[in-house]
Amino acid sequence: MIKNVKECKDNDFDIKRAAEEVRKLSFDDHVCIGCGICESTCPVEAIELKDVGAISRVHLNTQFSGHDKIKQNIIEDIDAPKIDIDEDKCVLCGMCSGLCPADALKLEIDGVSIKDIDSYPHYNHFAEIDDDECIYCQKCQVACPREAITIERHLPKRSDLVTGEISVNEDKCIYCGVCEEMCPAEAIVVDEKSGEESIVIDKDKCVYCLVCKKVCPKNAIDAVCRICSYGDYDLDPADAVVTGSSIIEQDHCVKCGWCEGVCPTTAAKTKKAFTGTLDIDQDKCKSCGACVDICPCNVLSFPIPTGPGQILDNIVKKDEYCIRCGACEKACPNDAITVKINSVDHTPTNSKTWIKALDALKN
């Protein structure tokens, strides 16, 4: 006999069953994108998608939408998961886990995720960053709508980039503080207190720009930039290299492609599991912003006028970053959005049940 036990903690479901094999289904509401694929493909109708349009305004991308009206109307947080799972109906088949494009649902069999079991089909999608090509500019980290990327970079010392000489003739210096105020590198500290006057130049910060020398009213500063005068003869180019590392948190990444789109090199690569279309009926759209806030990929936004009297669409899209999850279509209260999946890239499977479910995504 199969016995299901459901535990709810922080809006996360944890369903277990005891049998010859131990199966465990867990759900992370914070990772869930509200697409409803789990609901539409569950063979026993054990999953119900909640009103994601309302929940998303609090839990997802309001910081990206720029929709001040929505932000102002948020009074308090909503403690509600995006889906409900009926543990009495759930048979722990793993369909929801295998088809979730965000990996919010995870089925484990004897402690092993079905993502690591070859007999279960998987989406052929990925996101990766090649550290050999990465210049650690952090553009992908800033652009990622899921905050799934961390770029750690280590900058070279300024002294390895520019060399020079600088000194202060304290017999001439009147400690006026003009040099400190003008220094673009904040390398100078002047104590102007009577009887305790002093001036200190941090040579690790100094870039030998000579601004202090030129601005000093008493010509008390002597400085020279060796690079400007004599070139890079005493610098090692290897010391000027920015190093670091890149990390993609795969549990949060939805393979939208923003990292690849903004990468100035060829370091970031992504591949989506779904191909298809995203259509917006501007006549039906009422600019409520539900689709903007639910979208996990920052695909949808409100247009910005560039001239007086300009007539703009209600919602605009960056189609190249859409993963065709359908969350926006589910959230739209006006049936203004249609998302179609034309193809699903996945690993082979001989299971007719899984093939039927994968084909159903295209309907």
Protein backbone atom coordinates (compact mmCIF):
# COMPACT_ATOMS: atom_id res chain seq x y z
CA MET A 1 0.00 0.00 0.00
CA ILE A 2 1.27 3.43 -0.89
CA LYS A 3 1.02 6.00 1.82
CA ASN A 4 1.52 9.69 1.12
CA VAL A 5 2.66 12.20 3.74
CA LYS A 6 2.54 15.92 3.06
CA GLU A 7 4.53 18.50 4.96
CA CYS A 8 4.24 22.25 4.25
CA LYS A 9 7.10 24.55 5.19
CA ASP A 10 7.52 28.05 3.81
CA ASN A 11 5.07 27.33 1.00
CA ASP A 12 7.16 24.32 -0.06
CA PHE A 13 5.57 20.91 -0.47
CA ASP A 14 7.36 17.74 0.53
CA ILE A 15 5.47 14.57 -0.39
CA LYS A 16 6.88 11.15 0.42
CA ARG A 17 5.65 7.62 -0.04
CA ALA A 18 6.82 4.34 1.43
CA ALA A 19 7.06 1.32 -0.85
CA GLU A 20 9.75 -1.02 -2.15
CA GLU A 21 11.42 2.13 -3.47
CA VAL A 22 11.35 5.41 -1.63
CA ARG A 23 9.99 8.28 -3.70
CA LYS A 24 10.01 11.87 -2.59
CA LEU A 25 8.47 14.86 -4.36
CA SER A 26 9.48 18.35 -3.25
CA PHE A 27 8.34 21.74 -4.48
CA ASP A 28 10.16 25.07 -4.20
CA ASP A 29 7.66 27.89 -4.53
CA HIS A 30 10.42 30.50 -4.83
CA VAL A 31 11.76 28.79 -7.94
CA CYS A 32 8.32 28.19 -9.50
CA ILE A 33 7.56 30.51 -12.43
CA GLY A 34 3.79 29.93 -12.44
CA CYS A 35 3.63 28.48 -15.95
CA GLY A 36 1.07 25.79 -15.12
CA ILE A 37 2.76 23.07 -17.17
CA CYS A 38 2.63 20.78 -14.14
CA GLU A 39 -1.13 21.29 -13.83
CA SER A 40 -1.87 20.67 -17.50
CA THR A 41 0.27 17.53 -17.74
CA CYS A 42 -0.48 15.81 -14.41
CA PRO A 43 -2.12 12.49 -15.38
CA VAL A 44 -4.19 12.29 -12.18
CA GLU A 45 -5.12 16.00 -11.92
CA ALA A 46 -3.44 16.33 -8.56
CA ILE A 47 -2.04 19.81 -9.19
CA GLU A 48 -3.93 23.10 -9.23
CA LEU A 49 -2.37 26.37 -10.40
CA LYS A 50 -3.40 29.27 -8.18
CA ASP A 51 -4.11 32.87 -9.23
CA VAL A 52 -0.54 33.56 -10.32
CA GLY A 53 -1.45 36.98 -11.67
CA ALA A 54 -2.17 38.23 -8.16
CA ILE A 55 0.63 36.34 -6.45
CA SER A 56 3.26 37.44 -8.96
CA ARG A 57 2.82 41.10 -8.13
CA VAL A 58 4.28 40.41 -4.72
CA HIS A 59 6.63 37.49 -5.25
CA LEU A 60 8.24 37.91 -8.69
CA ASN A 61 9.42 40.71 -10.93
CA THR A 62 7.81 43.95 -9.75
CA GLN A 63 11.28 45.46 -9.48
CA PHE A 64 11.76 44.96 -13.23
CA SER A 65 8.35 46.12 -14.47
CA GLY A 66 8.60 49.82 -13.76
CA HIS A 67 4.85 49.74 -13.19
CA ASP A 68 4.51 52.20 -10.31
CA LYS A 69 0.74 51.72 -10.07
CA ILE A 70 1.21 48.05 -9.22
CA LYS A 71 3.89 48.78 -6.65
CA GLN A 72 1.77 51.42 -4.93
CA ASN A 73 -1.19 49.07 -4.66
CA ILE A 74 0.82 46.38 -2.85
CA ILE A 75 -0.21 46.71 0.79
CA GLU A 76 1.05 43.47 2.33
CA ASP A 77 2.67 40.22 1.35
CA ILE A 78 0.59 37.23 0.28
CA ASP A 79 1.60 33.99 1.99
CA ALA A 80 0.37 31.60 -0.71
CA PRO A 81 2.05 29.02 -2.94
CA LYS A 82 1.57 29.22 -6.70
CA ILE A 83 0.32 25.63 -6.87
CA ASP A 84 -1.56 23.19 -4.67
CA ILE A 85 -0.73 19.47 -4.74
CA ASP A 86 -3.36 16.98 -3.59
CA GLU A 87 -1.30 14.32 -1.85
CA ASP A 88 -4.25 11.94 -1.86
CA LYS A 89 -4.29 12.00 -5.68
CA CYS A 90 -0.55 12.21 -6.32
CA VAL A 91 1.00 8.90 -7.39
CA LEU A 92 4.55 10.26 -7.49
CA CYS A 93 4.98 9.44 -11.17
CA GLY A 94 7.41 12.33 -11.66
CA MET A 95 5.63 13.85 -14.65
CA CYS A 96 5.48 17.29 -13.04
CA SER A 97 9.13 17.11 -12.04
CA GLY A 98 10.32 16.01 -15.47
CA LEU A 99 8.33 18.61 -17.37
CA CYS A 100 8.85 21.63 -15.10
CA PRO A 101 11.01 24.08 -17.11
CA ALA A 102 12.24 25.76 -13.92
CA ASP A 103 13.02 22.60 -11.89
CA ALA A 104 10.73 23.81 -9.11
CA LEU A 105 9.35 20.29 -8.66
CA LYS A 106 11.86 17.55 -7.90
CA LEU A 107 11.18 13.83 -7.68
CA GLU A 108 13.79 11.62 -6.06
CA ILE A 109 13.81 7.82 -6.17
CA ASP A 110 15.87 6.28 -3.39
CA GLY A 111 17.57 9.65 -2.97
CA VAL A 112 18.44 10.07 -6.67
CA SER A 113 16.81 12.83 -8.70
CA ILE A 114 15.07 11.64 -11.85
CA LYS A 115 17.11 14.32 -13.63
CA ASP A 116 20.04 11.95 -13.10
CA ILE A 117 18.21 8.81 -14.25
CA ASP A 118 18.59 8.16 -17.98
CA SER A 119 15.30 6.29 -18.28
CA TYR A 120 13.44 9.53 -17.59
CA PRO A 121 13.41 12.07 -20.46
CA HIS A 122 15.03 15.44 -19.89
CA TYR A 123 14.89 18.76 -21.69
CA ASN A 124 17.91 19.50 -23.87
CA HIS A 125 18.53 22.99 -22.56
CA PHE A 126 21.50 24.58 -20.86
CA ALA A 127 23.25 27.77 -19.80
CA GLU A 128 26.99 27.95 -19.34
CA ILE A 129 29.83 30.44 -19.16
CA ASP A 130 33.31 29.64 -20.47
CA ASP A 131 35.82 31.08 -18.03
CA ASP A 132 38.50 30.98 -20.71
CA GLU A 133 36.46 33.47 -22.76
CA CYS A 134 34.92 35.45 -19.88
CA ILE A 135 36.35 38.91 -19.17
CA TYR A 136 34.35 39.18 -15.92
CA CYS A 137 32.56 42.37 -16.93
CA GLN A 138 29.51 41.32 -14.86
CA LYS A 139 27.04 42.33 -17.58
CA CYS A 140 25.39 38.90 -17.41
CA GLN A 141 25.08 39.14 -13.64
CA VAL A 142 23.28 42.47 -13.95
CA ALA A 143 21.02 41.32 -16.81
CA CYS A 144 19.97 37.95 -15.36
CA PRO A 145 16.29 38.27 -14.37
CA ARG A 146 16.55 35.34 -11.96
CA GLU A 147 19.71 36.53 -10.16
CA ALA A 148 21.18 33.14 -11.03
CA ILE A 149 24.64 34.37 -12.06
CA THR A 150 27.49 35.42 -9.81
CA ILE A 151 30.67 36.83 -11.31
CA GLU A 152 33.60 37.06 -8.92
CA ARG A 153 36.39 39.18 -10.28
CA HIS A 154 39.81 40.12 -8.99
CA LEU A 155 41.17 43.44 -10.19
CA PRO A 156 44.87 44.19 -10.64
CA LYS A 157 46.63 46.67 -8.41
CA ARG A 158 46.76 50.22 -9.67
CA SER A 159 50.49 50.22 -9.09
CA ASP A 160 50.76 47.44 -11.69
CA LEU A 161 48.96 49.56 -14.26
CA VAL A 162 50.64 52.93 -13.88
CA THR A 163 53.91 54.05 -12.30
CA GLY A 164 55.31 57.38 -11.33
CA GLU A 165 56.72 59.50 -8.55
CA ILE A 166 55.01 61.94 -6.22
CA SER A 167 56.17 63.90 -3.19
CA VAL A 168 55.10 66.92 -1.13
CA ASN A 169 57.37 69.76 -0.07
CA GLU A 170 55.92 70.43 3.38
CA ASP A 171 57.93 73.62 3.70
CA LYS A 172 55.76 75.02 0.90
CA CYS A 173 52.50 73.19 1.66
CA ILE A 174 49.83 75.29 3.42
CA TYR A 175 47.49 72.30 3.96
CA CYS A 176 44.61 74.00 2.22
CA GLY A 177 43.05 70.68 1.14
CA VAL A 178 42.55 71.66 -2.50
CA CYS A 179 44.57 68.67 -3.68
CA GLU A 180 42.47 66.28 -1.55
CA GLU A 181 39.25 67.72 -2.92
CA MET A 182 40.44 67.51 -6.54
CA CYS A 183 42.10 64.09 -6.42
CA PRO A 184 40.00 61.75 -8.64
CA ALA A 185 41.50 58.65 -7.01
CA GLU A 186 40.86 59.82 -3.43
CA ALA A 187 44.51 59.13 -2.72
CA ILE A 188 45.21 62.29 -0.67
CA VAL A 189 44.20 62.98 2.92
CA VAL A 190 44.86 66.43 4.41
CA ASP A 191 44.43 67.30 8.07
CA GLU A 192 43.81 71.06 8.19
CA LYS A 193 43.47 71.31 11.97
CA SER A 194 45.72 74.10 13.35
CA GLY A 195 48.83 72.77 14.98
CA GLU A 196 48.21 69.25 13.64
CA GLU A 197 48.48 69.88 9.90
CA SER A 198 49.53 66.93 7.78
CA ILE A 199 49.23 65.52 4.29
CA VAL A 200 49.37 61.85 3.31
CA ILE A 201 49.38 60.44 -0.23
CA ASP A 202 48.40 56.80 -0.66
CA LYS A 203 50.66 55.61 -3.48
CA ASP A 204 48.61 52.42 -3.89
CA LYS A 205 45.67 54.60 -4.95
CA CYS A 206 47.56 57.32 -6.84
CA VAL A 207 47.25 57.13 -10.62
CA TYR A 208 49.79 59.90 -11.25
CA CYS A 209 47.30 62.02 -13.18
CA LEU A 210 49.12 65.18 -11.92
CA VAL A 211 45.86 66.97 -11.08
CA CYS A 212 47.13 67.72 -7.58
CA LYS A 213 50.36 69.14 -8.93
CA LYS A 214 48.54 71.43 -11.34
CA VAL A 215 45.99 72.67 -8.82
CA CYS A 216 48.35 73.29 -5.87
CA PRO A 217 48.44 77.07 -5.24
CA LYS A 218 51.92 76.90 -3.70
CA ASN A 219 53.58 74.46 -6.13
CA ALA A 220 54.25 72.19 -3.19
CA ILE A 221 53.65 68.91 -5.03
CA ASP A 222 56.19 67.31 -7.31
CA ALA A 223 54.85 64.47 -9.47
CA VAL A 224 55.66 62.71 -12.69
CA CYS A 225 53.91 59.92 -14.57
CA ARG A 226 56.43 57.48 -16.03
CA ILE A 227 53.87 56.03 -18.44
CA CYS A 228 53.13 59.43 -19.97
CA SER A 229 56.80 60.36 -20.22
CA TYR A 230 58.56 57.12 -20.96
CA GLY A 231 55.95 54.52 -21.92
CA ASP A 232 55.13 51.11 -20.51
CA TYR A 233 58.70 49.92 -20.32
CA ASP A 234 58.61 48.85 -16.66
CA LEU A 235 55.13 47.25 -16.58
CA ASP A 236 54.34 43.58 -17.08
CA PRO A 237 51.16 43.18 -19.20
CA ALA A 238 50.33 39.99 -17.29
CA ASP A 239 49.86 42.05 -14.14
CA ALA A 240 47.06 44.04 -15.78
CA VAL A 241 44.78 41.05 -16.42
CA VAL A 242 41.41 40.89 -14.63
CA THR A 243 40.83 37.38 -13.26
CA GLY A 244 37.86 35.73 -11.64
CA SER A 245 35.25 33.02 -11.85
CA SER A 246 31.65 32.64 -13.02
CA ILE A 247 28.91 30.70 -11.31
CA ILE A 248 25.43 29.88 -12.64
CA GLU A 249 22.99 28.66 -10.03
CA GLN A 250 21.23 26.08 -12.17
CA ASP A 251 18.32 25.68 -9.74
CA HIS A 252 17.28 29.26 -10.52
CA CYS A 253 18.39 29.57 -14.15
CA VAL A 254 15.62 29.22 -16.77
CA LYS A 255 17.93 29.36 -19.80
CA CYS A 256 16.37 32.58 -21.12
CA GLY A 257 19.53 33.72 -22.92
CA TRP A 258 19.95 37.18 -21.41
CA CYS A 259 23.51 36.30 -20.39
CA GLU A 260 24.37 35.32 -23.95
CA GLY A 261 22.61 38.36 -25.36
CA VAL A 262 24.58 40.91 -23.33
CA CYS A 263 27.93 39.08 -23.28
CA PRO A 264 30.56 41.15 -25.14
CA THR A 265 32.55 37.98 -25.87
CA THR A 266 31.45 34.43 -26.69
CA ALA A 267 31.70 33.24 -23.08
CA ALA A 268 27.99 32.79 -22.34
CA LYS A 269 26.04 30.13 -24.21
CA THR A 270 22.41 29.07 -23.78
CA LYS A 271 19.97 26.69 -25.41
CA LYS A 272 16.21 26.65 -24.91
CA ALA A 273 14.09 23.51 -24.73
CA PHE A 274 11.04 25.07 -26.41
CA THR A 275 10.60 26.88 -29.70
CA GLY A 276 7.39 28.66 -30.53
CA THR A 277 5.61 31.99 -30.65
CA LEU A 278 4.45 34.71 -28.27
CA ASP A 279 1.62 36.91 -29.55
CA ILE A 280 0.06 39.92 -27.83
CA ASP A 281 -3.36 41.26 -28.83
CA GLN A 282 -2.89 44.97 -28.18
CA ASP A 283 -6.64 45.61 -28.54
CA LYS A 284 -7.38 43.30 -25.62
CA CYS A 285 -4.41 44.40 -23.49
CA LYS A 286 -5.39 46.75 -20.65
CA SER A 287 -1.84 47.40 -19.38
CA CYS A 288 -2.52 45.82 -15.99
CA GLY A 289 1.05 44.58 -15.76
CA ALA A 290 0.28 41.02 -14.62
CA CYS A 291 2.24 39.53 -17.54
CA VAL A 292 5.19 41.85 -16.93
CA ASP A 293 5.47 40.80 -13.32
CA ILE A 294 4.96 37.05 -13.83
CA CYS A 295 7.47 36.71 -16.68
CA PRO A 296 10.60 34.98 -15.34
CA CYS A 297 12.71 36.22 -18.24
CA ASN A 298 12.09 39.98 -18.40
CA VAL A 299 10.61 39.52 -21.87
CA LEU A 300 7.64 41.86 -21.42
CA SER A 301 7.73 45.53 -20.47
CA PHE A 302 5.89 48.80 -20.83
CA PRO A 303 7.14 50.92 -23.75
CA ILE A 304 8.89 54.22 -23.17
CA PRO A 305 7.87 57.17 -25.40
CA THR A 306 10.70 58.73 -27.36
CA GLY A 307 8.79 61.77 -28.64
CA PRO A 308 5.74 63.92 -27.90
CA GLY A 309 2.37 62.47 -28.93
CA GLN A 310 3.86 59.10 -29.79
CA ILE A 311 1.31 56.26 -29.86
CA LEU A 312 2.76 53.13 -28.29
CA ASP A 313 1.65 49.53 -27.86
CA ASN A 314 0.40 48.59 -24.41
CA ILE A 315 3.09 45.93 -23.91
CA VAL A 316 6.31 45.29 -25.83
CA LYS A 317 8.36 42.09 -25.92
CA LYS A 318 11.95 40.95 -26.31
CA ASP A 319 11.06 37.76 -28.10
CA GLU A 320 14.59 36.38 -28.23
CA TYR A 321 14.59 35.84 -24.46
CA CYS A 322 11.20 34.11 -24.22
CA ILE A 323 11.30 30.44 -23.13
CA ARG A 324 7.63 29.83 -24.18
CA CYS A 325 6.65 28.75 -20.66
CA GLY A 326 3.21 30.35 -20.96
CA ALA A 327 3.20 31.98 -17.53
CA CYS A 328 2.18 35.33 -19.01
CA GLU A 329 -0.75 33.75 -20.84
CA LYS A 330 -1.96 32.15 -17.60
CA ALA A 331 -1.65 35.43 -15.68
CA CYS A 332 -3.35 37.68 -18.25
CA PRO A 333 -6.92 38.46 -17.11
CA ASN A 334 -7.95 39.69 -20.56
CA ASP A 335 -6.89 36.75 -22.78
CA ALA A 336 -4.58 39.11 -24.63
CA ILE A 337 -1.58 36.78 -24.78
CA THR A 338 -1.15 33.54 -26.70
CA VAL A 339 1.92 31.35 -26.28
CA LYS A 340 2.43 28.37 -28.58
CA ILE A 341 5.12 25.69 -28.34
CA ASN A 342 6.05 24.33 -31.76
CA SER A 343 8.80 21.93 -30.71
CA VAL A 344 10.25 20.41 -27.55
CA ASP A 345 13.90 19.35 -27.50
CA HIS A 346 14.31 16.42 -25.13
CA THR A 347 16.24 13.21 -24.69
CA PRO A 348 14.76 10.03 -26.20
CA THR A 349 12.17 7.97 -24.33
CA ASN A 350 10.26 4.78 -25.07
CA SER A 351 7.49 5.58 -22.63
CA LYS A 352 4.22 6.28 -24.44
CA THR A 353 2.96 8.16 -21.39
CA TRP A 354 5.90 10.55 -21.44
CA ILE A 355 5.78 10.93 -25.21
CA LYS A 356 2.09 11.83 -24.94
CA ALA A 357 2.82 14.38 -22.23
CA LEU A 358 5.67 15.96 -24.18
CA ASP A 359 3.53 16.15 -27.31
CA ALA A 360 0.72 17.72 -25.26
CA LEU A 361 2.98 20.69 -24.53
CA LYS A 362 2.75 21.59 -28.21
CA ASN A 363 -1.06 21.79 -28.18
